[in-house]
N, C-alpha and C. Protein backbone atom coordinates (compact mmCIF):
# COMPACT_ATOMS: atom_id res chain seq x y z
N UNK A 1 108.71 134.27 104.57
CA UNK A 1 108.02 133.08 105.78
C UNK A 1 107.28 132.44 105.38
N UNK A 2 106.84 130.91 105.83
CA UNK A 2 105.86 130.28 105.63
C UNK A 2 105.69 129.58 106.48
N UNK A 3 104.41 128.85 106.48
CA UNK A 3 103.67 128.08 107.46
C UNK A 3 102.99 126.91 106.59
N UNK A 4 103.24 125.60 107.26
CA UNK A 4 102.86 125.03 106.50
C UNK A 4 102.20 123.97 108.09
N UNK A 5 101.05 123.54 107.89
CA UNK A 5 100.25 122.90 109.06
C UNK A 5 99.07 121.81 108.98
N UNK A 6 99.18 120.43 109.71
CA UNK A 6 98.42 119.92 109.58
C UNK A 6 96.97 120.14 110.16
N UNK A 7 95.93 119.72 110.45
CA UNK A 7 94.99 119.22 111.34
C UNK A 7 94.35 118.77 111.12
N UNK A 8 93.29 117.57 112.12
CA UNK A 8 92.46 116.35 111.70
C UNK A 8 91.56 116.93 111.08
N UNK A 9 90.24 116.34 110.18
CA UNK A 9 89.56 116.58 109.28
C UNK A 9 88.80 115.32 108.72
N UNK A 10 87.69 115.47 108.93
CA UNK A 10 87.15 114.06 108.78
C UNK A 10 87.27 113.46 107.32
N UNK A 11 87.75 113.33 106.43
CA UNK A 11 88.24 112.66 105.83
C UNK A 11 89.81 111.92 105.70
N UNK A 12 90.69 112.50 106.83
CA UNK A 12 91.99 112.46 106.87
C UNK A 12 92.82 113.73 107.91
N UNK A 13 93.25 114.18 107.18
CA UNK A 13 93.53 115.06 107.75
C UNK A 13 93.83 116.49 106.78
N UNK A 14 93.75 117.78 107.40
CA UNK A 14 93.81 119.11 106.06
C UNK A 14 95.17 119.61 105.86
N UNK A 15 95.44 119.72 105.31
CA UNK A 15 96.94 120.46 104.66
C UNK A 15 96.84 121.91 104.53
N UNK A 16 97.57 122.99 105.52
CA UNK A 16 97.56 124.95 104.78
C UNK A 16 98.74 125.00 104.68
N UNK A 17 99.10 125.58 104.13
CA UNK A 17 100.32 126.17 103.37
C UNK A 17 100.48 127.77 102.75
N UNK A 18 101.15 128.69 103.72
CA UNK A 18 100.86 130.18 103.63
C UNK A 18 102.13 130.73 103.20
N UNK A 19 102.08 131.81 103.03
CA UNK A 19 103.56 131.78 103.46
C UNK A 19 103.99 134.08 102.92
N UNK A 20 103.91 134.38 103.11
CA UNK A 20 104.16 136.29 102.64
C UNK A 20 105.67 136.18 102.25
N UNK A 21 105.76 136.98 101.14
CA UNK A 21 107.06 137.49 100.67
C UNK A 21 108.01 138.86 100.78
N UNK A 22 108.58 139.10 101.10
CA UNK A 22 109.17 140.35 101.13
C UNK A 22 109.90 140.71 99.67
N UNK A 23 109.17 140.81 98.14
CA UNK A 23 109.94 140.71 97.64
C UNK A 23 109.15 141.46 96.20
N UNK A 24 109.53 141.88 95.45
CA UNK A 24 108.54 142.31 93.63
C UNK A 24 107.91 141.54 93.30
N UNK A 25 106.47 141.86 93.08
CA UNK A 25 105.13 140.93 93.07
C UNK A 25 105.84 139.62 91.82
N UNK A 26 106.26 140.31 90.56
CA UNK A 26 107.07 139.51 89.97
C UNK A 26 108.28 138.20 90.44
N UNK A 27 108.35 138.78 91.78
CA UNK A 27 109.88 137.76 92.19
C UNK A 27 108.59 136.69 92.67
N UNK A 28 107.63 137.33 93.82
CA UNK A 28 107.08 136.89 94.71
C UNK A 28 105.80 135.19 94.17
N UNK A 29 104.79 135.97 92.53
CA UNK A 29 104.70 135.13 91.99
C UNK A 29 105.50 133.82 91.97
N UNK A 30 106.98 134.17 91.12
CA UNK A 30 107.61 132.72 90.92
C UNK A 30 108.17 132.56 92.16
N UNK A 31 107.60 132.45 93.09
CA UNK A 31 108.08 132.12 94.43
C UNK A 31 107.04 130.88 94.72
N UNK A 32 105.97 131.92 94.69
CA UNK A 32 105.02 131.08 94.68
C UNK A 32 105.05 129.63 94.34
N UNK A 33 105.00 130.16 92.70
CA UNK A 33 104.62 129.05 92.08
C UNK A 33 105.27 127.66 92.25
N UNK A 34 107.28 128.35 92.42
CA UNK A 34 107.78 127.01 92.43
C UNK A 34 107.32 126.49 93.68
N UNK A 35 106.87 127.09 94.70
CA UNK A 35 107.26 126.00 96.21
C UNK A 35 105.91 125.81 95.80
N UNK A 36 104.51 126.67 96.13
CA UNK A 36 103.64 125.87 95.90
C UNK A 36 102.98 124.81 94.92
N UNK A 37 103.05 125.35 93.50
CA UNK A 37 103.05 124.08 92.61
C UNK A 37 104.37 123.30 92.17
N UNK A 38 105.33 123.47 93.32
CA UNK A 38 106.24 122.27 92.61
C UNK A 38 106.62 121.93 93.85
N UNK A 39 107.19 122.35 95.04
CA UNK A 39 107.66 121.10 96.27
C UNK A 39 106.75 121.36 96.81
N UNK A 40 105.57 121.22 97.23
CA UNK A 40 104.92 121.29 98.27
C UNK A 40 103.79 120.58 97.64
N UNK A 41 103.20 120.81 96.82
CA UNK A 41 101.85 119.87 95.54
C UNK A 41 102.71 118.60 95.49
N UNK A 42 103.92 118.69 95.06
CA UNK A 42 104.31 117.82 94.76
C UNK A 42 104.51 116.95 95.85
N UNK A 43 105.32 117.01 96.96
CA UNK A 43 105.20 116.65 98.16
C UNK A 43 103.90 115.73 98.85
N UNK A 44 102.89 116.76 98.54
CA UNK A 44 101.93 116.41 99.46
C UNK A 44 101.01 115.21 98.99
N UNK A 45 101.18 114.91 97.38
CA UNK A 45 100.62 114.09 95.86
C UNK A 45 101.23 112.83 96.71
N UNK A 46 102.48 112.82 96.72
CA UNK A 46 102.96 111.91 97.52
C UNK A 46 102.77 111.60 98.85
N UNK A 47 102.85 112.05 99.28
CA UNK A 47 101.68 111.24 101.01
C UNK A 47 100.47 110.47 100.76
N UNK A 48 99.63 111.29 99.50
CA UNK A 48 98.21 111.02 99.60
C UNK A 48 98.40 109.67 98.84
N UNK A 49 99.28 109.86 97.89
CA UNK A 49 99.95 108.44 97.42
C UNK A 49 99.89 107.39 98.17
N UNK A 50 101.12 107.31 99.31
CA UNK A 50 101.78 106.40 99.73
C UNK A 50 101.01 106.48 100.97
N UNK A 51 99.83 107.43 101.92
CA UNK A 51 99.09 106.93 103.17
C UNK A 51 97.79 106.69 102.85
N UNK A 52 97.20 107.00 101.28
CA UNK A 52 96.04 106.30 101.03
C UNK A 52 95.85 105.19 100.26
N UNK A 53 97.29 104.51 99.61
CA UNK A 53 97.60 103.18 98.75
C UNK A 53 96.74 101.77 99.72
N UNK A 54 96.47 101.48 98.83
CA UNK A 54 95.64 99.96 99.89
C UNK A 54 95.79 98.29 99.20
N UNK A 55 97.59 98.68 99.42
CA UNK A 55 98.33 97.71 99.87
C UNK A 55 97.85 96.63 100.64
C-alpha cells in the first residue's frame, strides 16, 4: 500500500511518498528501490523540470 501526497510549501509544493510492504525484507527493499528511486523519483524530477522551467 502506497500513499502519495502533495501539500503547499513556501517554495512551491512538498511531495511525500510512503509505502508499507507485506513481503520479506529483501523483497520489500527491492520494491522500495524500484518504485522510490525508479518510478517516483524519475517522475518527480521530470515534474520539477517542467514546472520550474524558465521558458
